[in-house]
Amino acid sequence: MTRTLEQLSEKMRDIDFAFLSTRTSGGAIAARPMSNNREVDYTGDAWFFAEDTTRMVSDIEADPNVGLTYQGSAGFLGMRPFFLAVEGHATLIRDKALFADHWTRGLERWWPDGIDTPGLLLIRVTGERAHYWDGEDEGELELPRRS
């Protein structure tokens, strides 16, 4: 059974962290945990806050092709966990209006000055393809093109 984007979004609501993978200047692949803040209504875009001085940001500036990986917890009675891998394109955003739209309670733990934190930026990962595994079910979705 092929899952829909809405069904994948529902599964993602219980996942707090994703790994965001980038390609480094030396060609290696680097992955970092990024919080979803459990506020997921996934329509093909994932949003993460970061600071503009990080290696991850310089990696994205050099090559915006990125990957996201998610793992849900195992279910009851030995059910297998849910896995999702998303290939996409990252955009670095420095617009405080968008910061406010995506800011959630708890982020001040990392950025006490909130959306006014110097060097804060938002990473939008626009998914192009998603591959999922859910027990015996697996499949792939081409994600809708957005501007």
N, C-alpha and C. Protein backbone atom coordinates (compact mmCIF):
# COMPACT_ATOMS: atom_id res chain seq x y z
N MET A 1 0.85 -1.18 0.00
CA MET A 1 0.00 0.00 0.00
C MET A 1 0.89 1.24 0.00
N THR A 2 0.72 2.12 -0.95
CA THR A 2 1.49 3.35 -1.00
C THR A 2 0.87 4.37 -0.04
N ARG A 3 1.70 4.94 0.78
CA ARG A 3 1.24 5.96 1.73
C ARG A 3 1.08 7.30 1.02
N THR A 4 0.21 8.13 1.57
CA THR A 4 0.04 9.48 1.06
C THR A 4 0.90 10.43 1.87
N LEU A 5 1.08 11.63 1.37
CA LEU A 5 1.83 12.66 2.09
C LEU A 5 1.16 12.94 3.44
N GLU A 6 -0.15 12.96 3.48
CA GLU A 6 -0.88 13.20 4.73
C GLU A 6 -0.62 12.10 5.75
N GLN A 7 -0.55 10.84 5.29
CA GLN A 7 -0.26 9.73 6.19
C GLN A 7 1.17 9.81 6.73
N LEU A 8 2.12 10.22 5.89
CA LEU A 8 3.50 10.40 6.36
C LEU A 8 3.55 11.51 7.39
N SER A 9 2.83 12.60 7.15
CA SER A 9 2.80 13.72 8.08
C SER A 9 2.28 13.27 9.45
N GLU A 10 1.25 12.47 9.44
CA GLU A 10 0.69 11.95 10.70
C GLU A 10 1.73 11.14 11.47
N LYS A 11 2.47 10.30 10.77
CA LYS A 11 3.52 9.49 11.41
C LYS A 11 4.64 10.38 11.98
N MET A 12 4.93 11.49 11.31
CA MET A 12 6.03 12.37 11.72
C MET A 12 5.71 13.16 12.97
N ARG A 13 4.45 13.30 13.32
CA ARG A 13 4.06 14.13 14.48
C ARG A 13 4.66 13.64 15.79
N ASP A 14 4.94 12.35 15.87
CA ASP A 14 5.49 11.79 17.10
C ASP A 14 7.01 11.74 17.12
N ILE A 15 7.65 12.29 16.09
CA ILE A 15 9.11 12.25 16.01
C ILE A 15 9.66 13.63 16.33
N ASP A 16 10.49 13.71 17.37
CA ASP A 16 11.00 15.00 17.80
C ASP A 16 12.24 15.45 17.03
N PHE A 17 13.08 14.51 16.60
CA PHE A 17 14.33 14.90 15.95
C PHE A 17 14.50 14.23 14.60
N ALA A 18 15.14 14.95 13.71
CA ALA A 18 15.56 14.43 12.41
C ALA A 18 17.06 14.64 12.30
N PHE A 19 17.71 13.86 11.47
CA PHE A 19 19.09 14.15 11.10
C PHE A 19 19.06 14.90 9.79
N LEU A 20 19.75 16.04 9.75
CA LEU A 20 19.91 16.83 8.54
C LEU A 20 21.32 16.56 8.02
N SER A 21 21.40 16.00 6.82
CA SER A 21 22.70 15.64 6.23
C SER A 21 23.05 16.60 5.11
N THR A 22 24.31 17.02 5.13
CA THR A 22 24.85 17.92 4.10
C THR A 22 26.14 17.31 3.56
N ARG A 23 26.60 17.85 2.45
CA ARG A 23 27.90 17.45 1.90
C ARG A 23 28.90 18.54 2.27
N THR A 24 30.02 18.13 2.86
CA THR A 24 31.05 19.09 3.28
C THR A 24 31.92 19.49 2.10
N SER A 25 32.74 20.51 2.31
CA SER A 25 33.64 20.97 1.25
C SER A 25 34.63 19.88 0.84
N GLY A 26 34.95 18.97 1.75
CA GLY A 26 35.86 17.87 1.42
C GLY A 26 35.16 16.68 0.79
N GLY A 27 33.84 16.75 0.62
CA GLY A 27 33.09 15.68 -0.02
C GLY A 27 32.45 14.69 0.94
N ALA A 28 32.76 14.80 2.22
CA ALA A 28 32.15 13.89 3.20
C ALA A 28 30.69 14.27 3.42
N ILE A 29 29.93 13.34 3.96
CA ILE A 29 28.55 13.62 4.34
C ILE A 29 28.52 13.81 5.85
N ALA A 30 27.95 14.92 6.29
CA ALA A 30 27.85 15.22 7.71
C ALA A 30 26.38 15.29 8.10
N ALA A 31 26.03 14.69 9.23
CA ALA A 31 24.64 14.69 9.70
C ALA A 31 24.57 15.27 11.10
N ARG A 32 23.53 16.09 11.34
CA ARG A 32 23.34 16.71 12.65
C ARG A 32 21.89 16.53 13.06
N PRO A 33 21.65 16.30 14.38
CA PRO A 33 20.26 16.21 14.84
C PRO A 33 19.63 17.61 14.88
N MET A 34 18.41 17.68 14.37
CA MET A 34 17.67 18.95 14.34
C MET A 34 16.27 18.66 14.89
N SER A 35 15.77 19.57 15.72
CA SER A 35 14.47 19.35 16.36
C SER A 35 13.31 19.78 15.49
N ASN A 36 12.30 18.91 15.40
CA ASN A 36 11.02 19.23 14.77
C ASN A 36 10.10 19.96 15.73
N ASN A 37 10.43 19.92 17.02
CA ASN A 37 9.60 20.48 18.08
C ASN A 37 8.21 19.85 18.11
N ARG A 38 8.08 18.67 17.54
CA ARG A 38 6.82 17.93 17.51
C ARG A 38 5.64 18.75 17.01
N GLU A 39 5.93 19.74 16.20
CA GLU A 39 4.89 20.58 15.63
C GLU A 39 4.93 20.40 14.12
N VAL A 40 4.61 19.19 13.69
CA VAL A 40 4.76 18.85 12.28
C VAL A 40 3.41 18.78 11.59
N ASP A 41 3.27 19.54 10.56
CA ASP A 41 2.18 19.39 9.60
C ASP A 41 2.89 19.36 8.26
N TYR A 42 3.48 18.22 7.94
CA TYR A 42 4.40 18.11 6.82
C TYR A 42 3.66 18.15 5.49
N THR A 43 4.00 19.13 4.69
CA THR A 43 3.44 19.24 3.34
C THR A 43 4.55 19.19 2.29
N GLY A 44 5.75 18.82 2.74
CA GLY A 44 6.90 18.75 1.83
C GLY A 44 8.02 19.68 2.24
N ASP A 45 7.73 20.63 3.13
CA ASP A 45 8.75 21.53 3.67
C ASP A 45 8.98 21.22 5.14
N ALA A 46 10.25 21.18 5.54
CA ALA A 46 10.62 21.05 6.95
C ALA A 46 11.40 22.30 7.34
N TRP A 47 11.20 22.77 8.55
CA TRP A 47 11.78 24.04 9.00
C TRP A 47 12.62 23.83 10.25
N PHE A 48 13.83 24.39 10.25
CA PHE A 48 14.74 24.25 11.38
C PHE A 48 15.47 25.57 11.61
N PHE A 49 15.67 25.93 12.88
CA PHE A 49 16.47 27.11 13.22
C PHE A 49 17.92 26.71 13.39
N ALA A 50 18.82 27.64 13.07
CA ALA A 50 20.26 27.42 13.21
C ALA A 50 20.93 28.78 13.32
N GLU A 51 22.23 28.76 13.58
CA GLU A 51 23.02 29.99 13.62
C GLU A 51 23.88 30.05 12.36
N ASP A 52 24.04 31.25 11.84
CA ASP A 52 24.72 31.40 10.54
C ASP A 52 26.21 31.13 10.57
N THR A 53 26.79 30.90 11.75
CA THR A 53 28.23 30.63 11.84
C THR A 53 28.54 29.13 11.85
N THR A 54 27.54 28.28 11.73
CA THR A 54 27.78 26.84 11.84
C THR A 54 28.31 26.26 10.53
N ARG A 55 29.00 25.17 10.65
CA ARG A 55 29.52 24.45 9.48
C ARG A 55 28.37 24.00 8.58
N MET A 56 27.27 23.60 9.20
CA MET A 56 26.10 23.16 8.43
C MET A 56 25.63 24.24 7.47
N VAL A 57 25.62 25.49 7.93
CA VAL A 57 25.17 26.59 7.08
C VAL A 57 26.14 26.80 5.93
N SER A 58 27.44 26.75 6.20
CA SER A 58 28.40 26.92 5.10
C SER A 58 28.31 25.74 4.13
N ASP A 59 28.02 24.54 4.63
CA ASP A 59 27.82 23.39 3.73
C ASP A 59 26.63 23.65 2.80
N ILE A 60 25.53 24.14 3.36
CA ILE A 60 24.32 24.41 2.57
C ILE A 60 24.57 25.52 1.55
N GLU A 61 25.32 26.54 1.95
CA GLU A 61 25.65 27.61 1.00
C GLU A 61 26.41 27.07 -0.20
N ALA A 62 27.28 26.09 0.03
CA ALA A 62 28.08 25.52 -1.05
C ALA A 62 27.31 24.49 -1.87
N ASP A 63 26.42 23.75 -1.22
CA ASP A 63 25.64 22.70 -1.91
C ASP A 63 24.31 22.55 -1.17
N PRO A 64 23.23 23.08 -1.71
CA PRO A 64 21.94 23.06 -1.02
C PRO A 64 21.20 21.72 -1.07
N ASN A 65 21.78 20.71 -1.72
CA ASN A 65 21.15 19.38 -1.75
C ASN A 65 21.40 18.70 -0.41
N VAL A 66 20.32 18.33 0.28
CA VAL A 66 20.43 17.79 1.63
C VAL A 66 19.53 16.56 1.77
N GLY A 67 19.70 15.88 2.89
CA GLY A 67 18.85 14.76 3.24
C GLY A 67 18.36 14.89 4.66
N LEU A 68 17.16 14.40 4.90
CA LEU A 68 16.60 14.32 6.25
C LEU A 68 16.27 12.87 6.54
N THR A 69 16.58 12.41 7.75
CA THR A 69 16.18 11.06 8.15
C THR A 69 15.45 11.14 9.48
N TYR A 70 14.39 10.35 9.57
CA TYR A 70 13.54 10.31 10.76
C TYR A 70 13.36 8.86 11.19
N GLN A 71 13.26 8.64 12.50
CA GLN A 71 12.93 7.32 13.01
C GLN A 71 11.92 7.47 14.13
N GLY A 72 10.79 6.82 13.97
CA GLY A 72 9.78 6.80 15.01
C GLY A 72 10.03 5.66 15.98
N SER A 73 9.34 5.68 17.09
CA SER A 73 9.52 4.62 18.08
C SER A 73 8.78 3.37 17.62
N ALA A 74 9.19 2.22 18.17
CA ALA A 74 8.52 0.96 17.85
C ALA A 74 7.14 0.97 18.47
N GLY A 75 6.24 0.29 17.85
CA GLY A 75 4.87 0.21 18.35
C GLY A 75 4.71 -0.91 19.38
N PHE A 76 3.50 -1.27 19.64
CA PHE A 76 3.17 -2.31 20.60
C PHE A 76 3.43 -3.70 20.03
N LEU A 77 3.69 -4.65 20.92
CA LEU A 77 3.81 -6.06 20.57
C LEU A 77 4.79 -6.34 19.43
N GLY A 78 5.95 -5.73 19.53
CA GLY A 78 7.01 -6.01 18.58
C GLY A 78 6.86 -5.35 17.23
N MET A 79 5.98 -4.38 17.09
CA MET A 79 5.85 -3.68 15.82
C MET A 79 7.15 -2.95 15.51
N ARG A 80 7.50 -2.88 14.25
CA ARG A 80 8.73 -2.21 13.85
C ARG A 80 8.54 -0.70 13.84
N PRO A 81 9.63 0.05 14.04
CA PRO A 81 9.52 1.51 13.99
C PRO A 81 9.31 2.02 12.57
N PHE A 82 8.90 3.25 12.48
CA PHE A 82 8.70 3.95 11.22
C PHE A 82 9.99 4.67 10.87
N PHE A 83 10.45 4.56 9.62
CA PHE A 83 11.63 5.25 9.13
C PHE A 83 11.24 6.07 7.91
N LEU A 84 11.84 7.24 7.79
CA LEU A 84 11.58 8.10 6.64
C LEU A 84 12.87 8.79 6.23
N ALA A 85 13.19 8.75 4.94
CA ALA A 85 14.33 9.48 4.39
C ALA A 85 13.79 10.43 3.33
N VAL A 86 14.17 11.70 3.43
CA VAL A 86 13.71 12.73 2.49
C VAL A 86 14.93 13.33 1.81
N GLU A 87 14.89 13.36 0.49
CA GLU A 87 15.90 14.09 -0.28
C GLU A 87 15.31 15.44 -0.62
N GLY A 88 16.11 16.49 -0.47
CA GLY A 88 15.56 17.80 -0.76
C GLY A 88 16.60 18.87 -1.00
N HIS A 89 16.10 20.07 -1.02
CA HIS A 89 16.88 21.27 -1.33
C HIS A 89 16.70 22.25 -0.16
N ALA A 90 17.80 22.72 0.41
CA ALA A 90 17.74 23.63 1.56
C ALA A 90 17.85 25.08 1.11
N THR A 91 17.07 25.92 1.76
CA THR A 91 17.12 27.37 1.55
C THR A 91 17.37 28.02 2.90
N LEU A 92 18.31 28.98 2.94
CA LEU A 92 18.62 29.71 4.16
C LEU A 92 17.80 30.99 4.17
N ILE A 93 17.06 31.20 5.25
CA ILE A 93 16.13 32.33 5.34
C ILE A 93 16.51 33.21 6.52
N ARG A 94 16.56 34.51 6.27
CA ARG A 94 16.91 35.47 7.32
C ARG A 94 15.79 36.50 7.53
N ASP A 95 14.57 36.08 7.39
CA ASP A 95 13.38 36.93 7.47
C ASP A 95 12.70 36.74 8.82
N LYS A 96 12.74 37.79 9.67
CA LYS A 96 12.18 37.68 11.02
C LYS A 96 10.68 37.39 11.02
N ALA A 97 9.97 37.81 10.00
CA ALA A 97 8.54 37.50 9.93
C ALA A 97 8.35 35.98 9.83
N LEU A 98 9.18 35.32 9.02
CA LEU A 98 9.11 33.86 8.94
C LEU A 98 9.61 33.20 10.22
N PHE A 99 10.60 33.83 10.87
CA PHE A 99 11.04 33.31 12.17
C PHE A 99 9.84 33.22 13.11
N ALA A 100 9.08 34.31 13.19
CA ALA A 100 7.93 34.37 14.10
C ALA A 100 6.90 33.31 13.74
N ASP A 101 6.70 33.06 12.45
CA ASP A 101 5.73 32.05 12.02
C ASP A 101 6.12 30.65 12.47
N HIS A 102 7.42 30.37 12.59
CA HIS A 102 7.89 29.03 12.89
C HIS A 102 8.46 28.87 14.30
N TRP A 103 8.49 29.94 15.06
CA TRP A 103 9.03 29.87 16.42
C TRP A 103 8.05 29.11 17.31
N THR A 104 8.56 28.19 18.12
CA THR A 104 7.73 27.46 19.06
C THR A 104 8.32 27.57 20.46
N ARG A 105 7.45 27.42 21.43
CA ARG A 105 7.89 27.47 22.82
C ARG A 105 8.95 26.42 23.06
N GLY A 106 9.96 26.77 23.78
CA GLY A 106 11.05 25.85 24.08
C GLY A 106 12.32 26.17 23.30
N LEU A 107 12.19 26.86 22.16
CA LEU A 107 13.38 27.20 21.38
C LEU A 107 14.28 28.21 22.10
N GLU A 108 13.69 28.97 23.03
CA GLU A 108 14.51 29.93 23.78
C GLU A 108 15.56 29.23 24.64
N ARG A 109 15.43 27.92 24.79
CA ARG A 109 16.47 27.16 25.49
C ARG A 109 17.81 27.32 24.76
N TRP A 110 17.77 27.33 23.42
CA TRP A 110 18.99 27.49 22.63
C TRP A 110 19.23 28.95 22.24
N TRP A 111 18.16 29.71 22.08
CA TRP A 111 18.28 31.10 21.66
C TRP A 111 17.45 31.98 22.60
N PRO A 112 18.04 32.38 23.76
CA PRO A 112 17.30 33.14 24.77
C PRO A 112 16.75 34.48 24.26
N ASP A 113 17.35 35.05 23.21
CA ASP A 113 16.86 36.32 22.66
C ASP A 113 15.77 36.10 21.61
N GLY A 114 15.33 34.87 21.45
CA GLY A 114 14.25 34.58 20.51
C GLY A 114 14.60 34.94 19.09
N ILE A 115 13.61 35.45 18.36
CA ILE A 115 13.84 35.76 16.94
C ILE A 115 14.79 36.93 16.74
N ASP A 116 15.15 37.62 17.83
CA ASP A 116 16.11 38.73 17.74
C ASP A 116 17.55 38.28 17.98
N THR A 117 17.77 36.99 18.08
CA THR A 117 19.11 36.46 18.29
C THR A 117 20.00 36.82 17.10
N PRO A 118 21.14 37.49 17.35
CA PRO A 118 22.05 37.80 16.24
C PRO A 118 22.52 36.52 15.55
N GLY A 119 22.49 36.52 14.22
CA GLY A 119 22.97 35.39 13.45
C GLY A 119 21.97 34.24 13.30
N LEU A 120 20.78 34.40 13.85
CA LEU A 120 19.78 33.34 13.73
C LEU A 120 19.29 33.26 12.29
N LEU A 121 19.04 32.06 11.83
CA LEU A 121 18.42 31.88 10.52
C LEU A 121 17.53 30.66 10.55
N LEU A 122 16.73 30.55 9.53
CA LEU A 122 15.79 29.45 9.38
C LEU A 122 16.20 28.66 8.15
N ILE A 123 16.22 27.35 8.29
CA ILE A 123 16.51 26.47 7.17
C ILE A 123 15.20 25.83 6.73
N ARG A 124 14.86 26.05 5.48
CA ARG A 124 13.69 25.37 4.91
C ARG A 124 14.22 24.27 4.00
N VAL A 125 13.84 23.04 4.30
CA VAL A 125 14.19 21.92 3.44
C VAL A 125 12.94 21.55 2.65
N THR A 126 13.00 21.79 1.35
CA THR A 126 11.91 21.45 0.45
C THR A 126 12.17 20.05 -0.07
N GLY A 127 11.33 19.12 0.36
CA GLY A 127 11.50 17.73 -0.04
C GLY A 127 11.16 17.51 -1.50
N GLU A 128 11.93 16.66 -2.13
CA GLU A 128 11.68 16.29 -3.52
C GLU A 128 11.26 14.83 -3.65
N ARG A 129 11.78 13.99 -2.74
CA ARG A 129 11.45 12.57 -2.78
C ARG A 129 11.53 12.04 -1.35
N ALA A 130 10.59 11.18 -0.99
CA ALA A 130 10.57 10.58 0.34
C ALA A 130 10.49 9.06 0.20
N HIS A 131 11.31 8.37 0.95
CA HIS A 131 11.27 6.91 1.00
C HIS A 131 10.97 6.52 2.44
N TYR A 132 9.98 5.65 2.64
CA TYR A 132 9.59 5.27 4.00
C TYR A 132 9.58 3.76 4.16
N TRP A 133 9.75 3.33 5.39
CA TRP A 133 9.66 1.93 5.79
C TRP A 133 8.79 1.90 7.03
N ASP A 134 7.80 1.06 7.04
CA ASP A 134 6.86 0.98 8.16
C ASP A 134 6.49 -0.49 8.36
N GLY A 135 7.30 -1.21 9.13
CA GLY A 135 7.06 -2.63 9.28
C GLY A 135 7.35 -3.35 7.98
N GLU A 136 6.38 -4.01 7.45
CA GLU A 136 6.54 -4.71 6.18
C GLU A 136 6.25 -3.79 4.99
N ASP A 137 5.71 -2.62 5.25
CA ASP A 137 5.32 -1.70 4.19
C ASP A 137 6.44 -0.71 3.91
N GLU A 138 6.77 -0.54 2.65
CA GLU A 138 7.73 0.49 2.28
C GLU A 138 7.31 1.08 0.95
N GLY A 139 7.76 2.29 0.71
CA GLY A 139 7.40 2.93 -0.53
C GLY A 139 8.15 4.23 -0.72
N GLU A 140 7.86 4.85 -1.84
CA GLU A 140 8.53 6.09 -2.20
C GLU A 140 7.50 7.05 -2.77
N LEU A 141 7.64 8.31 -2.42
CA LEU A 141 6.76 9.36 -2.92
C LEU A 141 7.58 10.44 -3.58
N GLU A 142 7.16 10.89 -4.74
CA GLU A 142 7.68 12.12 -5.31
C GLU A 142 6.87 13.22 -4.65
N LEU A 143 7.52 14.18 -4.04
CA LEU A 143 6.81 15.23 -3.33
C LEU A 143 6.41 16.35 -4.31
N PRO A 144 5.29 17.00 -4.02
CA PRO A 144 4.81 18.04 -4.94
C PRO A 144 5.79 19.20 -5.05
N ARG A 145 5.96 19.70 -6.26
CA ARG A 145 6.84 20.86 -6.49
C ARG A 145 6.18 22.11 -5.95
N ARG A 146 6.97 22.89 -5.22
CA ARG A 146 6.48 24.16 -4.66
C ARG A 146 7.49 25.24 -4.96
N SER A 147 7.05 26.47 -4.91
CA SER A 147 8.00 27.58 -5.15
C SER A 147 8.55 28.09 -3.84
